[in-house]
Amino acid sequence: MGERTIKKGPGYWALMTAFLLGSINGILGLHLVEEGPGGAPGIRRDRSFRHLARLFLMGSLVALSVGVCEAILVWVPRASGYSILLSFLALPSLYLFLEVLWPGAFGRVLGIRRSFLCPQCYQRQDFRFQPVSFQFGSWVTFLCPYCSCLVDAWGGQVLYPSSLTAAKILESSWRTALPSLAALVLGASFVVWLSGWV
């Protein structure tokens, strides 16, 4: 009997590169580009609005987090040791409280987790962000934790490589990248404006 060879998974750096590229593509909205009639790349408006709303929330959350961290850094040198201890005990409790009320809310806003009806196991699952391969053309893919079903950013199962090439997607990238960056900046600016107004 011949020896069976065990296929090794991707290395650490390959995995980190895939996560970085997948995250950048997710933020810039390159996964919105899909094959239209006649093979030309196109963008669906309903998906664009959902993507921009998610980015607006992400920008707001990041600006809010930076503001809270800055306020804590200003407060810590003037606070007593007892107050600092209580605050560091309260922060994890607040996080757990929010996770109980809205499970996975932080992961969903940041795009790490998404909830889909799985096309294979027919259950509503929390899919985790898992960039697998850019040959599928979806650029941003999620994996079911139970049956390892691979879906795109909209919950559609990814089965075959896409006929859209990277060159075609990059040609249309300005149509998604500019509004995406604008939504991020608007979300952060809204929080800054709101903090100054309050």
N, C-alpha and C. Protein backbone atom coordinates (compact mmCIF):
# COMPACT_ATOMS: atom_id res chain seq x y z
N MET A 1 0.84 -1.19 0.00
CA MET A 1 0.00 0.00 0.00
C MET A 1 0.87 1.24 0.00
N GLY A 2 0.53 2.17 -0.87
CA GLY A 2 1.29 3.42 -0.95
C GLY A 2 0.97 4.33 0.21
N GLU A 3 1.92 5.17 0.52
CA GLU A 3 1.69 6.13 1.60
C GLU A 3 0.77 7.24 1.13
N ARG A 4 -0.16 7.61 2.01
CA ARG A 4 -1.06 8.72 1.70
C ARG A 4 -0.39 10.02 2.11
N THR A 5 -0.45 10.97 1.22
CA THR A 5 0.13 12.28 1.55
C THR A 5 -0.98 13.20 2.06
N ILE A 6 -0.68 13.89 3.12
CA ILE A 6 -1.64 14.81 3.71
C ILE A 6 -1.35 16.20 3.17
N LYS A 7 -2.37 16.79 2.57
CA LYS A 7 -2.21 18.12 1.99
C LYS A 7 -2.18 19.15 3.10
N LYS A 8 -1.15 19.97 3.12
CA LYS A 8 -1.07 21.02 4.13
C LYS A 8 -1.90 22.21 3.68
N GLY A 9 -2.47 22.91 4.66
CA GLY A 9 -3.25 24.11 4.37
C GLY A 9 -2.33 25.27 4.04
N PRO A 10 -2.92 26.42 3.74
CA PRO A 10 -2.10 27.58 3.41
C PRO A 10 -1.26 28.02 4.61
N GLY A 11 -0.08 28.55 4.33
CA GLY A 11 0.80 29.02 5.39
C GLY A 11 0.26 30.28 6.06
N TYR A 12 0.91 30.66 7.14
CA TYR A 12 0.46 31.82 7.93
C TYR A 12 0.44 33.09 7.10
N TRP A 13 1.52 33.35 6.35
CA TRP A 13 1.61 34.59 5.59
C TRP A 13 0.63 34.60 4.43
N ALA A 14 0.40 33.44 3.82
CA ALA A 14 -0.58 33.36 2.73
C ALA A 14 -1.98 33.65 3.26
N LEU A 15 -2.28 33.12 4.46
CA LEU A 15 -3.58 33.34 5.08
C LEU A 15 -3.77 34.80 5.46
N MET A 16 -2.72 35.41 6.03
CA MET A 16 -2.80 36.81 6.43
C MET A 16 -2.95 37.72 5.20
N THR A 17 -2.25 37.38 4.11
CA THR A 17 -2.36 38.16 2.88
C THR A 17 -3.78 38.06 2.32
N ALA A 18 -4.34 36.84 2.36
CA ALA A 18 -5.71 36.66 1.87
C ALA A 18 -6.70 37.46 2.70
N PHE A 19 -6.53 37.45 4.03
CA PHE A 19 -7.43 38.22 4.90
C PHE A 19 -7.29 39.71 4.65
N LEU A 20 -6.06 40.18 4.45
CA LEU A 20 -5.84 41.60 4.19
C LEU A 20 -6.46 42.02 2.86
N LEU A 21 -6.19 41.24 1.79
CA LEU A 21 -6.76 41.56 0.49
C LEU A 21 -8.28 41.45 0.50
N GLY A 22 -8.80 40.43 1.17
CA GLY A 22 -10.26 40.27 1.26
C GLY A 22 -10.90 41.42 2.01
N SER A 23 -10.24 41.90 3.08
CA SER A 23 -10.78 43.03 3.85
C SER A 23 -10.76 44.30 3.03
N ILE A 24 -9.66 44.54 2.31
CA ILE A 24 -9.57 45.74 1.47
C ILE A 24 -10.63 45.69 0.37
N ASN A 25 -10.79 44.51 -0.26
CA ASN A 25 -11.82 44.37 -1.29
C ASN A 25 -13.22 44.56 -0.73
N GLY A 26 -13.43 44.09 0.51
CA GLY A 26 -14.73 44.27 1.14
C GLY A 26 -15.02 45.72 1.44
N ILE A 27 -14.00 46.47 1.86
CA ILE A 27 -14.20 47.88 2.17
C ILE A 27 -14.40 48.69 0.88
N LEU A 28 -13.60 48.40 -0.14
CA LEU A 28 -13.70 49.15 -1.39
C LEU A 28 -14.89 48.73 -2.25
N GLY A 29 -15.54 47.64 -1.87
CA GLY A 29 -16.75 47.22 -2.59
C GLY A 29 -16.50 46.51 -3.90
N LEU A 30 -15.33 45.92 -4.08
CA LEU A 30 -15.06 45.23 -5.34
C LEU A 30 -15.92 43.97 -5.50
N HIS A 31 -16.45 43.46 -4.39
CA HIS A 31 -17.34 42.29 -4.47
C HIS A 31 -18.71 42.66 -5.02
N LEU A 32 -18.99 43.97 -5.19
CA LEU A 32 -20.26 44.40 -5.77
C LEU A 32 -20.29 44.21 -7.29
N VAL A 33 -19.10 44.14 -7.89
CA VAL A 33 -19.02 44.00 -9.35
C VAL A 33 -19.39 42.57 -9.71
N GLU A 34 -20.38 42.43 -10.58
CA GLU A 34 -20.79 41.10 -11.02
C GLU A 34 -21.02 41.10 -12.53
N GLU A 35 -21.10 39.91 -13.07
CA GLU A 35 -21.24 39.77 -14.52
C GLU A 35 -22.66 40.11 -14.94
N GLY A 36 -22.79 41.10 -15.81
CA GLY A 36 -24.09 41.49 -16.32
C GLY A 36 -24.41 40.78 -17.61
N PRO A 37 -25.52 41.16 -18.25
CA PRO A 37 -25.86 40.54 -19.54
C PRO A 37 -24.80 40.90 -20.60
N GLY A 38 -24.40 39.90 -21.34
CA GLY A 38 -23.37 40.12 -22.37
C GLY A 38 -21.96 40.00 -21.84
N GLY A 39 -21.80 39.64 -20.55
CA GLY A 39 -20.47 39.46 -19.97
C GLY A 39 -19.82 40.72 -19.46
N ALA A 40 -20.49 41.87 -19.60
CA ALA A 40 -19.91 43.12 -19.12
C ALA A 40 -20.09 43.24 -17.60
N PRO A 41 -19.11 43.81 -16.89
CA PRO A 41 -19.26 43.97 -15.45
C PRO A 41 -20.33 45.02 -15.12
N GLY A 42 -21.13 44.74 -14.12
CA GLY A 42 -22.18 45.66 -13.68
C GLY A 42 -22.30 45.65 -12.16
N ILE A 43 -23.05 46.62 -11.64
CA ILE A 43 -23.23 46.74 -10.19
C ILE A 43 -24.72 46.89 -9.90
N ARG A 44 -25.23 46.07 -8.97
CA ARG A 44 -26.63 46.18 -8.59
C ARG A 44 -26.81 47.27 -7.55
N ARG A 45 -27.80 48.15 -7.78
CA ARG A 45 -27.98 49.30 -6.88
C ARG A 45 -28.42 48.90 -5.48
N ASP A 46 -29.31 47.89 -5.37
CA ASP A 46 -29.79 47.50 -4.04
C ASP A 46 -28.64 47.00 -3.16
N ARG A 47 -27.73 46.26 -3.75
CA ARG A 47 -26.57 45.77 -2.99
C ARG A 47 -25.62 46.92 -2.65
N SER A 48 -25.50 47.89 -3.54
CA SER A 48 -24.64 49.04 -3.28
C SER A 48 -25.13 49.82 -2.07
N PHE A 49 -26.44 50.05 -1.97
CA PHE A 49 -26.99 50.81 -0.85
C PHE A 49 -26.76 50.08 0.47
N ARG A 50 -26.93 48.76 0.47
CA ARG A 50 -26.67 47.98 1.69
C ARG A 50 -25.21 48.06 2.09
N HIS A 51 -24.34 47.96 1.10
CA HIS A 51 -22.90 48.04 1.36
C HIS A 51 -22.52 49.41 1.93
N LEU A 52 -23.05 50.48 1.34
CA LEU A 52 -22.72 51.83 1.80
C LEU A 52 -23.27 52.09 3.20
N ALA A 53 -24.46 51.57 3.50
CA ALA A 53 -25.02 51.73 4.85
C ALA A 53 -24.15 51.00 5.88
N ARG A 54 -23.66 49.81 5.52
CA ARG A 54 -22.79 49.07 6.42
C ARG A 54 -21.48 49.82 6.66
N LEU A 55 -20.93 50.42 5.61
CA LEU A 55 -19.69 51.19 5.75
C LEU A 55 -19.90 52.45 6.57
N PHE A 56 -21.05 53.09 6.43
CA PHE A 56 -21.37 54.27 7.24
C PHE A 56 -21.37 53.88 8.73
N LEU A 57 -22.00 52.75 9.04
CA LEU A 57 -22.01 52.26 10.43
C LEU A 57 -20.61 51.90 10.91
N MET A 58 -19.81 51.29 10.02
CA MET A 58 -18.44 50.92 10.38
C MET A 58 -17.61 52.16 10.68
N GLY A 59 -17.72 53.20 9.85
CA GLY A 59 -17.00 54.45 10.09
C GLY A 59 -17.42 55.10 11.39
N SER A 60 -18.73 55.05 11.68
CA SER A 60 -19.23 55.61 12.94
C SER A 60 -18.68 54.85 14.15
N LEU A 61 -18.67 53.53 14.03
CA LEU A 61 -18.19 52.70 15.15
C LEU A 61 -16.71 52.92 15.40
N VAL A 62 -15.91 53.02 14.33
CA VAL A 62 -14.47 53.24 14.48
C VAL A 62 -14.21 54.60 15.12
N ALA A 63 -14.92 55.66 14.64
CA ALA A 63 -14.73 57.00 15.20
C ALA A 63 -15.17 57.03 16.66
N LEU A 64 -16.24 56.34 16.99
CA LEU A 64 -16.72 56.29 18.38
C LEU A 64 -15.70 55.57 19.26
N SER A 65 -15.13 54.47 18.75
CA SER A 65 -14.13 53.73 19.52
C SER A 65 -12.88 54.58 19.78
N VAL A 66 -12.43 55.31 18.75
CA VAL A 66 -11.26 56.18 18.91
C VAL A 66 -11.55 57.28 19.92
N GLY A 67 -12.75 57.86 19.86
CA GLY A 67 -13.14 58.90 20.82
C GLY A 67 -13.18 58.39 22.25
N VAL A 68 -13.72 57.19 22.43
CA VAL A 68 -13.79 56.60 23.78
C VAL A 68 -12.39 56.31 24.30
N CYS A 69 -11.51 55.75 23.45
CA CYS A 69 -10.13 55.46 23.87
C CYS A 69 -9.39 56.75 24.25
N GLU A 70 -9.60 57.80 23.47
CA GLU A 70 -8.95 59.08 23.77
C GLU A 70 -9.45 59.65 25.10
N ALA A 71 -10.76 59.54 25.34
CA ALA A 71 -11.32 60.03 26.61
C ALA A 71 -10.77 59.23 27.80
N ILE A 72 -10.60 57.92 27.61
CA ILE A 72 -10.06 57.08 28.69
C ILE A 72 -8.61 57.45 28.97
N LEU A 73 -7.82 57.69 27.92
CA LEU A 73 -6.41 58.06 28.10
C LEU A 73 -6.26 59.40 28.81
N VAL A 74 -7.18 60.32 28.57
CA VAL A 74 -7.15 61.62 29.25
C VAL A 74 -7.59 61.46 30.72
N TRP A 75 -8.54 60.56 30.96
CA TRP A 75 -9.11 60.40 32.29
C TRP A 75 -8.19 59.62 33.23
N VAL A 76 -7.47 58.59 32.70
CA VAL A 76 -6.69 57.68 33.55
C VAL A 76 -5.66 58.39 34.44
N PRO A 77 -4.85 59.34 33.94
CA PRO A 77 -3.84 59.96 34.83
C PRO A 77 -4.44 60.73 36.01
N ARG A 78 -5.67 61.21 35.87
CA ARG A 78 -6.29 62.00 36.95
C ARG A 78 -7.14 61.16 37.89
N ALA A 79 -7.42 59.90 37.51
CA ALA A 79 -8.31 59.07 38.32
C ALA A 79 -7.55 58.34 39.42
N SER A 80 -8.31 57.94 40.45
CA SER A 80 -7.71 57.15 41.54
C SER A 80 -7.57 55.70 41.09
N GLY A 81 -6.75 54.95 41.82
CA GLY A 81 -6.53 53.53 41.49
C GLY A 81 -7.80 52.72 41.57
N TYR A 82 -8.65 53.04 42.56
CA TYR A 82 -9.91 52.31 42.74
C TYR A 82 -10.85 52.56 41.55
N SER A 83 -10.91 53.80 41.08
CA SER A 83 -11.77 54.13 39.93
C SER A 83 -11.29 53.43 38.67
N ILE A 84 -9.96 53.38 38.48
CA ILE A 84 -9.40 52.70 37.30
C ILE A 84 -9.74 51.22 37.34
N LEU A 85 -9.59 50.60 38.51
CA LEU A 85 -9.91 49.18 38.66
C LEU A 85 -11.38 48.91 38.35
N LEU A 86 -12.27 49.76 38.88
CA LEU A 86 -13.70 49.58 38.62
C LEU A 86 -14.03 49.74 37.14
N SER A 87 -13.39 50.71 36.48
CA SER A 87 -13.68 50.93 35.07
C SER A 87 -13.20 49.76 34.22
N PHE A 88 -12.04 49.19 34.55
CA PHE A 88 -11.54 48.06 33.78
C PHE A 88 -12.33 46.79 34.05
N LEU A 89 -13.02 46.73 35.18
CA LEU A 89 -13.94 45.62 35.44
C LEU A 89 -15.28 45.85 34.75
N ALA A 90 -15.66 47.13 34.61
CA ALA A 90 -16.96 47.46 34.01
C ALA A 90 -16.95 47.29 32.50
N LEU A 91 -15.82 47.58 31.84
CA LEU A 91 -15.78 47.51 30.37
C LEU A 91 -16.07 46.11 29.83
N PRO A 92 -15.42 45.05 30.37
CA PRO A 92 -15.78 43.70 29.88
C PRO A 92 -17.23 43.33 30.19
N SER A 93 -17.73 43.80 31.34
CA SER A 93 -19.12 43.52 31.68
C SER A 93 -20.07 44.19 30.70
N LEU A 94 -19.76 45.42 30.31
CA LEU A 94 -20.57 46.13 29.32
C LEU A 94 -20.55 45.41 27.98
N TYR A 95 -19.35 44.95 27.58
CA TYR A 95 -19.23 44.21 26.32
C TYR A 95 -20.07 42.94 26.36
N LEU A 96 -20.00 42.18 27.46
CA LEU A 96 -20.79 40.95 27.59
C LEU A 96 -22.28 41.24 27.58
N PHE A 97 -22.68 42.35 28.23
CA PHE A 97 -24.08 42.74 28.27
C PHE A 97 -24.59 43.03 26.86
N LEU A 98 -23.79 43.76 26.07
CA LEU A 98 -24.17 44.06 24.68
C LEU A 98 -24.21 42.80 23.83
N GLU A 99 -23.28 41.87 24.08
CA GLU A 99 -23.26 40.62 23.32
C GLU A 99 -24.48 39.75 23.63
N VAL A 100 -24.98 39.84 24.89
CA VAL A 100 -26.19 39.08 25.24
C VAL A 100 -27.42 39.71 24.58
N LEU A 101 -27.48 41.05 24.60
CA LEU A 101 -28.63 41.74 24.00
C LEU A 101 -28.63 41.61 22.47
N TRP A 102 -27.48 41.85 21.84
CA TRP A 102 -27.35 41.79 20.38
C TRP A 102 -26.18 40.87 20.05
N PRO A 103 -26.40 39.54 20.04
CA PRO A 103 -25.29 38.61 19.79
C PRO A 103 -24.63 38.85 18.43
N GLY A 104 -23.32 38.99 18.45
CA GLY A 104 -22.55 39.15 17.22
C GLY A 104 -22.70 40.49 16.54
N ALA A 105 -23.23 41.50 17.26
CA ALA A 105 -23.47 42.81 16.64
C ALA A 105 -22.17 43.46 16.19
N PHE A 106 -21.12 43.37 17.01
CA PHE A 106 -19.84 44.00 16.65
C PHE A 106 -19.25 43.34 15.41
N GLY A 107 -19.30 42.01 15.37
CA GLY A 107 -18.78 41.28 14.22
C GLY A 107 -19.54 41.59 12.94
N ARG A 108 -20.87 41.80 13.07
CA ARG A 108 -21.66 42.10 11.88
C ARG A 108 -21.37 43.50 11.37
N VAL A 109 -21.23 44.47 12.28
CA VAL A 109 -20.95 45.84 11.85
C VAL A 109 -19.58 45.92 11.20
N LEU A 110 -18.60 45.21 11.77
CA LEU A 110 -17.24 45.23 11.23
C LEU A 110 -17.07 44.32 10.02
N GLY A 111 -18.10 43.52 9.69
CA GLY A 111 -18.03 42.67 8.50
C GLY A 111 -17.33 41.35 8.72
N ILE A 112 -17.01 40.99 9.98
CA ILE A 112 -16.33 39.73 10.26
C ILE A 112 -17.32 38.56 10.23
N ARG A 113 -18.55 38.82 10.66
CA ARG A 113 -19.59 37.79 10.67
C ARG A 113 -20.83 38.30 9.94
N ARG A 114 -21.51 37.38 9.26
CA ARG A 114 -22.78 37.71 8.62
C ARG A 114 -23.72 36.54 8.79
N SER A 115 -24.99 36.83 8.91
CA SER A 115 -25.99 35.78 9.11
C SER A 115 -26.69 35.49 7.77
N PHE A 116 -26.65 34.21 7.36
CA PHE A 116 -27.28 33.79 6.10
C PHE A 116 -28.06 32.51 6.33
N LEU A 117 -29.03 32.26 5.45
CA LEU A 117 -29.67 30.94 5.38
C LEU A 117 -28.75 30.07 4.54
N CYS A 118 -28.16 29.06 5.16
CA CYS A 118 -27.15 28.26 4.48
C CYS A 118 -27.77 27.47 3.33
N PRO A 119 -27.20 27.57 2.12
CA PRO A 119 -27.75 26.83 0.97
C PRO A 119 -27.58 25.32 1.07
N GLN A 120 -26.70 24.84 1.96
CA GLN A 120 -26.46 23.39 2.07
C GLN A 120 -27.16 22.77 3.26
N CYS A 121 -27.04 23.38 4.45
CA CYS A 121 -27.66 22.74 5.62
C CYS A 121 -29.02 23.36 5.97
N TYR A 122 -29.47 24.36 5.19
CA TYR A 122 -30.80 24.94 5.32
C TYR A 122 -31.13 25.45 6.72
N GLN A 123 -30.13 25.97 7.40
CA GLN A 123 -30.31 26.59 8.71
C GLN A 123 -29.74 28.00 8.66
N ARG A 124 -30.32 28.88 9.44
CA ARG A 124 -29.76 30.24 9.53
C ARG A 124 -28.52 30.16 10.40
N GLN A 125 -27.38 30.53 9.83
CA GLN A 125 -26.10 30.41 10.52
C GLN A 125 -25.38 31.75 10.52
N ASP A 126 -24.49 31.90 11.49
CA ASP A 126 -23.56 33.03 11.50
C ASP A 126 -22.31 32.61 10.72
N PHE A 127 -22.17 33.07 9.50
CA PHE A 127 -21.01 32.74 8.67
C PHE A 127 -19.85 33.63 9.07
N ARG A 128 -18.64 33.09 9.03
CA ARG A 128 -17.46 33.90 9.35
C ARG A 128 -16.72 34.27 8.08
N PHE A 129 -16.11 35.43 8.10
CA PHE A 129 -15.36 35.93 6.95
C PHE A 129 -14.19 35.00 6.68
N GLN A 130 -14.12 34.44 5.48
CA GLN A 130 -13.07 33.49 5.13
C GLN A 130 -12.70 33.64 3.66
N PRO A 131 -11.78 34.56 3.35
CA PRO A 131 -11.37 34.69 1.95
C PRO A 131 -10.63 33.44 1.50
N VAL A 132 -11.18 32.75 0.51
CA VAL A 132 -10.61 31.46 0.11
C VAL A 132 -9.78 31.60 -1.16
N SER A 133 -10.37 32.16 -2.19
CA SER A 133 -9.64 32.27 -3.44
C SER A 133 -10.24 33.40 -4.25
N PHE A 134 -9.40 34.16 -4.92
CA PHE A 134 -9.89 35.28 -5.71
C PHE A 134 -10.30 34.84 -7.11
N GLN A 135 -10.12 33.55 -7.45
CA GLN A 135 -10.51 33.09 -8.78
C GLN A 135 -12.03 32.98 -8.89
N PHE A 136 -12.75 32.98 -7.77
CA PHE A 136 -14.20 32.86 -7.83
C PHE A 136 -14.86 34.19 -8.20
N GLY A 137 -14.11 35.28 -8.18
CA GLY A 137 -14.64 36.55 -8.62
C GLY A 137 -15.51 37.27 -7.62
N SER A 138 -15.87 36.59 -6.52
CA SER A 138 -16.71 37.26 -5.52
C SER A 138 -15.86 38.12 -4.60
N TRP A 139 -14.57 37.84 -4.50
CA TRP A 139 -13.59 38.63 -3.76
C TRP A 139 -13.80 38.62 -2.25
N VAL A 140 -15.03 38.53 -1.79
CA VAL A 140 -15.31 38.50 -0.35
C VAL A 140 -16.19 37.29 -0.10
N THR A 141 -15.68 36.30 0.60
CA THR A 141 -16.43 35.06 0.82
C THR A 141 -16.55 34.76 2.30
N PHE A 142 -17.61 34.01 2.64
CA PHE A 142 -17.91 33.63 4.03
C PHE A 142 -18.12 32.13 4.08
N LEU A 143 -17.80 31.54 5.24
CA LEU A 143 -17.82 30.09 5.39
C LEU A 143 -18.80 29.69 6.49
N CYS A 144 -19.63 28.67 6.19
CA CYS A 144 -20.55 28.14 7.20
C CYS A 144 -19.76 27.34 8.23
N PRO A 145 -19.97 27.59 9.54
CA PRO A 145 -19.20 26.86 10.55
C PRO A 145 -19.59 25.40 10.68
N TYR A 146 -20.74 24.98 10.12
CA TYR A 146 -21.21 23.61 10.30
C TYR A 146 -20.90 22.72 9.09
N CYS A 147 -21.19 23.22 7.88
CA CYS A 147 -21.00 22.35 6.71
C CYS A 147 -19.92 22.87 5.76
N SER A 148 -19.24 23.95 6.12
CA SER A 148 -18.17 24.55 5.31
C SER A 148 -18.65 24.97 3.93
N CYS A 149 -19.90 25.40 3.83
CA CYS A 149 -20.43 25.92 2.57
C CYS A 149 -19.85 27.32 2.36
N LEU A 150 -19.36 27.58 1.16
CA LEU A 150 -18.77 28.87 0.83
C LEU A 150 -19.80 29.73 0.11
N VAL A 151 -20.04 30.94 0.66
CA VAL A 151 -21.00 31.84 0.03
C VAL A 151 -20.33 33.19 -0.22
N ASP A 152 -20.95 33.97 -1.12
CA ASP A 152 -20.44 35.32 -1.35
C ASP A 152 -21.02 36.27 -0.30
N ALA A 153 -20.81 37.55 -0.46
CA ALA A 153 -21.23 38.52 0.55
C ALA A 153 -22.73 38.68 0.64
N TRP A 154 -23.49 38.02 -0.24
CA TRP A 154 -24.95 38.14 -0.24
C TRP A 154 -25.63 36.83 0.09
N GLY A 155 -24.85 35.80 0.45
CA GLY A 155 -25.42 34.52 0.83
C GLY A 155 -25.61 33.54 -0.31
N GLY A 156 -25.18 33.87 -1.51
CA GLY A 156 -25.28 32.95 -2.64
C GLY A 156 -24.10 31.99 -2.65
N GLN A 157 -24.37 30.71 -2.86
CA GLN A 157 -23.32 29.71 -2.81
C GLN A 157 -22.32 29.90 -3.95
N VAL A 158 -21.05 29.81 -3.63
CA VAL A 158 -19.99 29.94 -4.61
C VAL A 158 -19.55 28.54 -5.01
N LEU A 159 -19.75 28.19 -6.29
CA LEU A 159 -19.44 26.84 -6.75
C LEU A 159 -18.32 26.80 -7.77
N TYR A 160 -18.34 27.71 -8.72
CA TYR A 160 -17.42 27.64 -9.84
C TYR A 160 -16.65 28.94 -9.98
N PRO A 161 -15.48 28.89 -10.60
CA PRO A 161 -14.76 30.14 -10.88
C PRO A 161 -15.59 31.06 -11.77
N SER A 162 -15.48 32.36 -11.52
CA SER A 162 -16.24 33.34 -12.28
C SER A 162 -15.55 33.62 -13.60
N SER A 163 -16.37 34.00 -14.60
CA SER A 163 -15.78 34.38 -15.88
C SER A 163 -15.28 35.82 -15.86
N LEU A 164 -15.61 36.55 -14.78
CA LEU A 164 -15.08 37.91 -14.64
C LEU A 164 -13.61 37.82 -14.24
N THR A 165 -12.76 38.47 -15.00
CA THR A 165 -11.34 38.47 -14.66
C THR A 165 -11.04 39.61 -13.69
N ALA A 166 -9.89 39.51 -13.04
CA ALA A 166 -9.48 40.57 -12.11
C ALA A 166 -9.34 41.90 -12.84
N ALA A 167 -8.89 41.88 -14.09
CA ALA A 167 -8.73 43.12 -14.87
C ALA A 167 -10.08 43.80 -15.09
N LYS A 168 -11.14 43.00 -15.40
CA LYS A 168 -12.46 43.58 -15.61
C LYS A 168 -13.01 44.18 -14.32
N ILE A 169 -12.76 43.50 -13.20
CA ILE A 169 -13.25 44.00 -11.91
C ILE A 169 -12.52 45.28 -11.55
N LEU A 170 -11.21 45.31 -11.76
CA LEU A 170 -10.43 46.51 -11.42
C LEU A 170 -10.79 47.70 -12.31
N GLU A 171 -11.22 47.42 -13.55
CA GLU A 171 -11.65 48.52 -14.43
C GLU A 171 -12.86 49.24 -13.85
N SER A 172 -13.74 48.50 -13.19
CA SER A 172 -14.95 49.09 -12.61
C SER A 172 -14.76 49.47 -11.15
N SER A 173 -13.54 49.34 -10.63
CA SER A 173 -13.34 49.54 -9.19
C SER A 173 -13.65 50.96 -8.73
N TRP A 174 -13.40 51.97 -9.58
CA TRP A 174 -13.65 53.35 -9.16
C TRP A 174 -15.14 53.58 -8.89
N ARG A 175 -16.02 52.81 -9.56
CA ARG A 175 -17.47 52.97 -9.36
C ARG A 175 -17.91 52.50 -7.98
N THR A 176 -17.11 51.64 -7.35
CA THR A 176 -17.45 51.18 -6.00
C THR A 176 -16.54 51.79 -4.94
N ALA A 177 -15.26 52.01 -5.29
CA ALA A 177 -14.29 52.46 -4.29
C ALA A 177 -14.57 53.88 -3.82
N LEU A 178 -14.89 54.80 -4.73
CA LEU A 178 -15.12 56.19 -4.33
C LEU A 178 -16.33 56.35 -3.41
N PRO A 179 -17.51 55.77 -3.75
CA PRO A 179 -18.64 55.87 -2.81
C PRO A 179 -18.37 55.15 -1.48
N SER A 180 -17.61 54.05 -1.52
CA SER A 180 -17.31 53.30 -0.29
C SER A 180 -16.46 54.14 0.66
N LEU A 181 -15.41 54.75 0.13
CA LEU A 181 -14.55 55.60 0.97
C LEU A 181 -15.33 56.81 1.48
N ALA A 182 -16.22 57.36 0.63
CA ALA A 182 -17.04 58.50 1.05
C ALA A 182 -17.97 58.10 2.20
N ALA A 183 -18.55 56.89 2.15
CA ALA A 183 -19.45 56.43 3.21
C ALA A 183 -18.69 56.25 4.53
N LEU A 184 -17.45 55.71 4.46
CA LEU A 184 -16.63 55.57 5.67
C LEU A 184 -16.33 56.93 6.30
N VAL A 185 -15.92 57.89 5.45
CA VAL A 185 -15.57 59.23 5.95
C VAL A 185 -16.81 59.92 6.51
N LEU A 186 -17.96 59.77 5.84
CA LEU A 186 -19.19 60.39 6.33
C LEU A 186 -19.61 59.81 7.68
N GLY A 187 -19.45 58.48 7.84
CA GLY A 187 -19.79 57.86 9.12
C GLY A 187 -18.93 58.38 10.25
N ALA A 188 -17.61 58.50 10.00
CA ALA A 188 -16.70 59.02 11.02
C ALA A 188 -16.97 60.50 11.28
N SER A 189 -17.23 61.28 10.22
CA SER A 189 -17.49 62.71 10.37
C SER A 189 -18.79 62.96 11.15
N PHE A 190 -19.78 62.08 10.92
CA PHE A 190 -21.05 62.22 11.63
C PHE A 190 -20.85 62.09 13.13
N VAL A 191 -20.04 61.11 13.55
CA VAL A 191 -19.78 60.92 14.99
C VAL A 191 -19.00 62.11 15.55
N VAL A 192 -18.01 62.61 14.80
CA VAL A 192 -17.25 63.77 15.25
C VAL A 192 -18.13 64.99 15.37
N TRP A 193 -19.00 65.20 14.38
CA TRP A 193 -19.94 66.33 14.43
C TRP A 193 -20.90 66.19 15.60
N LEU A 194 -21.40 64.96 15.81
CA LEU A 194 -22.35 64.72 16.89
C LEU A 194 -21.69 64.95 18.25
N SER A 195 -20.43 64.54 18.41
CA SER A 195 -19.74 64.74 19.69
C SER A 195 -19.49 66.22 19.95
N GLY A 196 -19.22 67.01 18.89
CA GLY A 196 -19.03 68.44 19.06
C GLY A 196 -20.34 69.16 19.33
N TRP A 197 -21.43 68.65 18.75
CA TRP A 197 -22.74 69.27 18.91
C TRP A 197 -23.29 69.00 20.30
N VAL A 198 -23.07 67.77 20.81
CA VAL A 198 -23.57 67.40 22.14
C VAL A 198 -22.72 68.06 23.20
